[in-house]
Amino acid sequence: MISAMAELKDRLKTDLTAAMKARDDLRTRTLRMVLTAISNEEVAGSSARDLDDAEITRLITREAKKRREAAEAFQKGGRAEKAEEERAEGEVLAEYLPAQLTDAELADLVAAAIAESGASDVKGMGAVMQIVKPKVVDRAEGGRVAAEVKRQLSA
């Protein structure tokens, strides 16, 4: 059953081997963490299964978000060194994610969705989000999308 479904997982494993050979501690640690998270997800639930690339991408997105939040928390707590470490791990994870939408691209998508939904105020936010979400999957964080929708509907 291992075919094109696990290309991203194979790439992660190959990159882990290369990082270990290069003695790149940051990359080795980060890739091990992701592969462990993938394995945990695969055995969670009532039966073991293989994750496809879309599920792995969502998992990496979740892990990258955790790194950003941890970096912010460490920064606020006065632990700049730990914050930088978390940011560096986040950068490694970002290499395995689809390119993120720029603010201008996101604004254009939201404006089109608002026009399509006919929403005129914040009460129509749910309808706009339903239209935008499938278009931005894995390319923009939900909070960022919601903030842009709210900004445009409030204007």
Protein backbone atom coordinates (compact mmCIF):
# COMPACT_ATOMS: atom_id res chain seq x y z
CA MET A 1 0.00 0.00 0.00
CA ILE A 2 3.02 2.27 0.24
CA SER A 3 2.83 4.15 -3.01
CA ALA A 4 2.50 7.82 -3.85
CA MET A 5 0.52 8.27 -0.62
CA ALA A 6 3.57 8.54 1.59
CA GLU A 7 5.93 10.61 -0.57
CA LEU A 8 6.21 13.31 2.09
CA LYS A 9 6.95 10.75 4.81
CA ASP A 10 9.66 9.18 2.61
CA ARG A 11 11.15 12.63 2.03
CA LEU A 12 11.18 13.30 5.79
CA LYS A 13 12.96 9.98 6.43
CA THR A 14 15.53 10.63 3.69
CA ASP A 15 16.16 14.15 4.99
CA LEU A 16 16.54 12.79 8.54
CA THR A 17 19.25 10.39 7.36
CA ALA A 18 21.04 13.23 5.55
CA ALA A 19 20.79 15.49 8.63
CA MET A 20 22.21 12.76 10.86
CA LYS A 21 25.14 12.21 8.49
CA ALA A 22 25.76 15.97 8.37
CA ARG A 23 25.55 16.12 12.18
CA ASP A 24 22.87 18.81 11.92
CA ASP A 25 21.42 18.59 15.44
CA LEU A 26 18.57 21.04 14.92
CA ARG A 27 17.34 19.37 11.72
CA THR A 28 17.80 15.85 13.16
CA ARG A 29 15.87 16.71 16.31
CA THR A 30 13.06 18.43 14.40
CA LEU A 31 12.62 15.69 11.80
CA ARG A 32 12.67 12.98 14.48
CA MET A 33 9.95 14.86 16.33
CA VAL A 34 7.78 15.08 13.19
CA LEU A 35 8.27 11.42 12.29
CA THR A 36 7.38 10.44 15.86
CA ALA A 37 4.22 12.57 15.67
CA ILE A 38 3.32 10.88 12.36
CA SER A 39 3.86 7.42 13.87
CA ASN A 40 1.77 8.32 16.91
CA GLU A 41 -1.03 9.56 14.67
CA GLU A 42 -0.87 6.40 12.54
CA VAL A 43 -1.37 4.10 15.56
CA ALA A 44 -3.95 6.31 17.29
CA GLY A 45 -7.53 5.16 17.15
CA SER A 46 -8.97 1.69 16.83
CA SER A 47 -6.75 0.50 13.97
CA ALA A 48 -3.34 1.40 12.59
CA ARG A 49 -3.25 3.18 9.24
CA ASP A 50 -0.88 5.06 6.95
CA LEU A 51 -1.31 8.82 6.71
CA ASP A 52 -1.48 10.34 3.25
CA ASP A 53 0.46 13.46 2.28
CA ALA A 54 -2.50 15.78 3.02
CA GLU A 55 -2.81 14.41 6.56
CA ILE A 56 0.96 14.66 7.09
CA THR A 57 0.88 18.27 5.84
CA ARG A 58 -1.87 19.10 8.35
CA LEU A 59 0.16 17.46 11.11
CA ILE A 60 3.29 19.45 10.18
CA THR A 61 1.17 22.62 10.08
CA ARG A 62 -0.03 21.86 13.62
CA GLU A 63 3.53 21.24 14.80
CA ALA A 64 4.76 24.49 13.18
CA LYS A 65 1.96 26.40 14.94
CA LYS A 66 3.04 24.86 18.26
CA ARG A 67 6.59 26.11 17.61
CA ARG A 68 5.38 29.66 16.89
CA GLU A 69 3.24 29.71 20.04
CA ALA A 70 6.06 28.29 22.17
CA ALA A 71 8.50 30.86 20.74
CA GLU A 72 6.10 33.67 21.68
CA ALA A 73 5.66 32.26 25.19
CA PHE A 74 9.42 31.89 25.72
CA GLN A 75 9.99 35.42 24.37
CA LYS A 76 7.42 36.85 26.81
CA GLY A 77 8.98 34.81 29.60
CA GLY A 78 12.39 36.35 28.93
CA ARG A 79 13.93 33.16 27.54
CA ALA A 80 15.15 34.48 24.20
CA GLU A 81 17.49 31.54 23.60
CA LYS A 82 14.65 28.98 23.87
CA ALA A 83 12.41 31.22 21.73
CA GLU A 84 15.06 31.28 18.99
CA GLU A 85 15.39 27.48 19.19
CA GLU A 86 11.62 27.09 18.69
CA ARG A 87 11.67 29.54 15.74
CA ALA A 88 14.53 27.59 14.13
CA GLU A 89 12.54 24.35 14.44
CA GLY A 90 9.56 26.14 12.90
CA GLU A 91 11.70 27.19 9.93
CA VAL A 92 12.76 23.57 9.34
CA LEU A 93 9.08 22.51 9.42
CA ALA A 94 8.11 25.31 7.02
CA GLU A 95 10.29 23.70 4.34
CA TYR A 96 7.81 20.81 4.20
CA LEU A 97 4.68 22.96 3.95
CA PRO A 98 3.06 24.56 0.90
CA ALA A 99 4.02 28.19 0.29
CA GLN A 100 1.99 30.50 2.52
CA LEU A 101 -0.29 33.12 0.98
CA THR A 102 0.96 36.68 1.09
CA ASP A 103 -1.21 39.28 2.84
CA ALA A 104 -2.24 40.70 -0.55
CA GLU A 105 -3.23 37.26 -1.92
CA LEU A 106 -5.23 36.53 1.22
CA ALA A 107 -6.95 39.93 1.05
CA ASP A 108 -7.93 39.29 -2.60
CA LEU A 109 -9.35 35.83 -1.78
CA VAL A 110 -11.33 37.24 1.16
CA ALA A 111 -12.66 40.15 -0.93
CA ALA A 112 -13.85 37.71 -3.61
CA ALA A 113 -15.50 35.49 -0.98
CA ILE A 114 -17.27 38.49 0.57
CA ALA A 115 -18.60 39.47 -2.86
CA GLU A 116 -19.69 35.87 -3.54
CA SER A 117 -21.46 35.50 -0.19
CA GLY A 118 -23.09 38.91 -0.24
CA ALA A 119 -22.06 39.53 3.38
CA SER A 120 -22.08 43.16 4.41
CA ASP A 121 -21.12 43.02 8.08
CA VAL A 122 -19.48 40.79 10.69
CA LYS A 123 -22.70 38.75 11.02
CA GLY A 124 -21.90 37.21 7.61
CA MET A 125 -18.43 36.07 8.73
CA GLY A 126 -19.42 32.38 8.88
CA ALA A 127 -20.64 32.38 5.28
CA VAL A 128 -17.46 34.09 4.09
CA MET A 129 -15.25 31.66 6.05
CA GLN A 130 -17.05 28.69 4.44
CA ILE A 131 -16.14 30.03 1.00
CA VAL A 132 -12.55 31.02 1.85
CA LYS A 133 -11.43 27.96 3.87
CA PRO A 134 -11.33 25.43 1.00
CA LYS A 135 -9.37 27.93 -1.12
CA VAL A 136 -6.63 28.53 1.47
CA VAL A 137 -6.21 24.99 2.86
CA ASP A 138 -2.68 24.62 4.29
CA ARG A 139 -1.60 27.97 2.81
CA ALA A 140 -2.89 30.27 5.56
CA GLU A 141 -3.64 29.74 9.23
CA GLY A 142 -7.28 29.90 10.30
CA GLY A 143 -6.66 32.74 12.73
CA ARG A 144 -4.99 34.81 10.05
CA VAL A 145 -7.88 34.18 7.63
CA ALA A 146 -10.50 35.04 10.29
CA ALA A 147 -8.68 38.27 11.16
CA GLU A 148 -8.64 39.34 7.51
CA VAL A 149 -12.34 38.48 7.04
CA LYS A 150 -13.22 40.44 10.17
CA ARG A 151 -11.07 43.39 9.07
CA GLN A 152 -12.74 43.59 5.64
CA LEU A 153 -16.26 43.12 6.98
CA SER A 154 -15.73 45.79 9.64
CA ALA A 155 -14.39 48.34 7.17
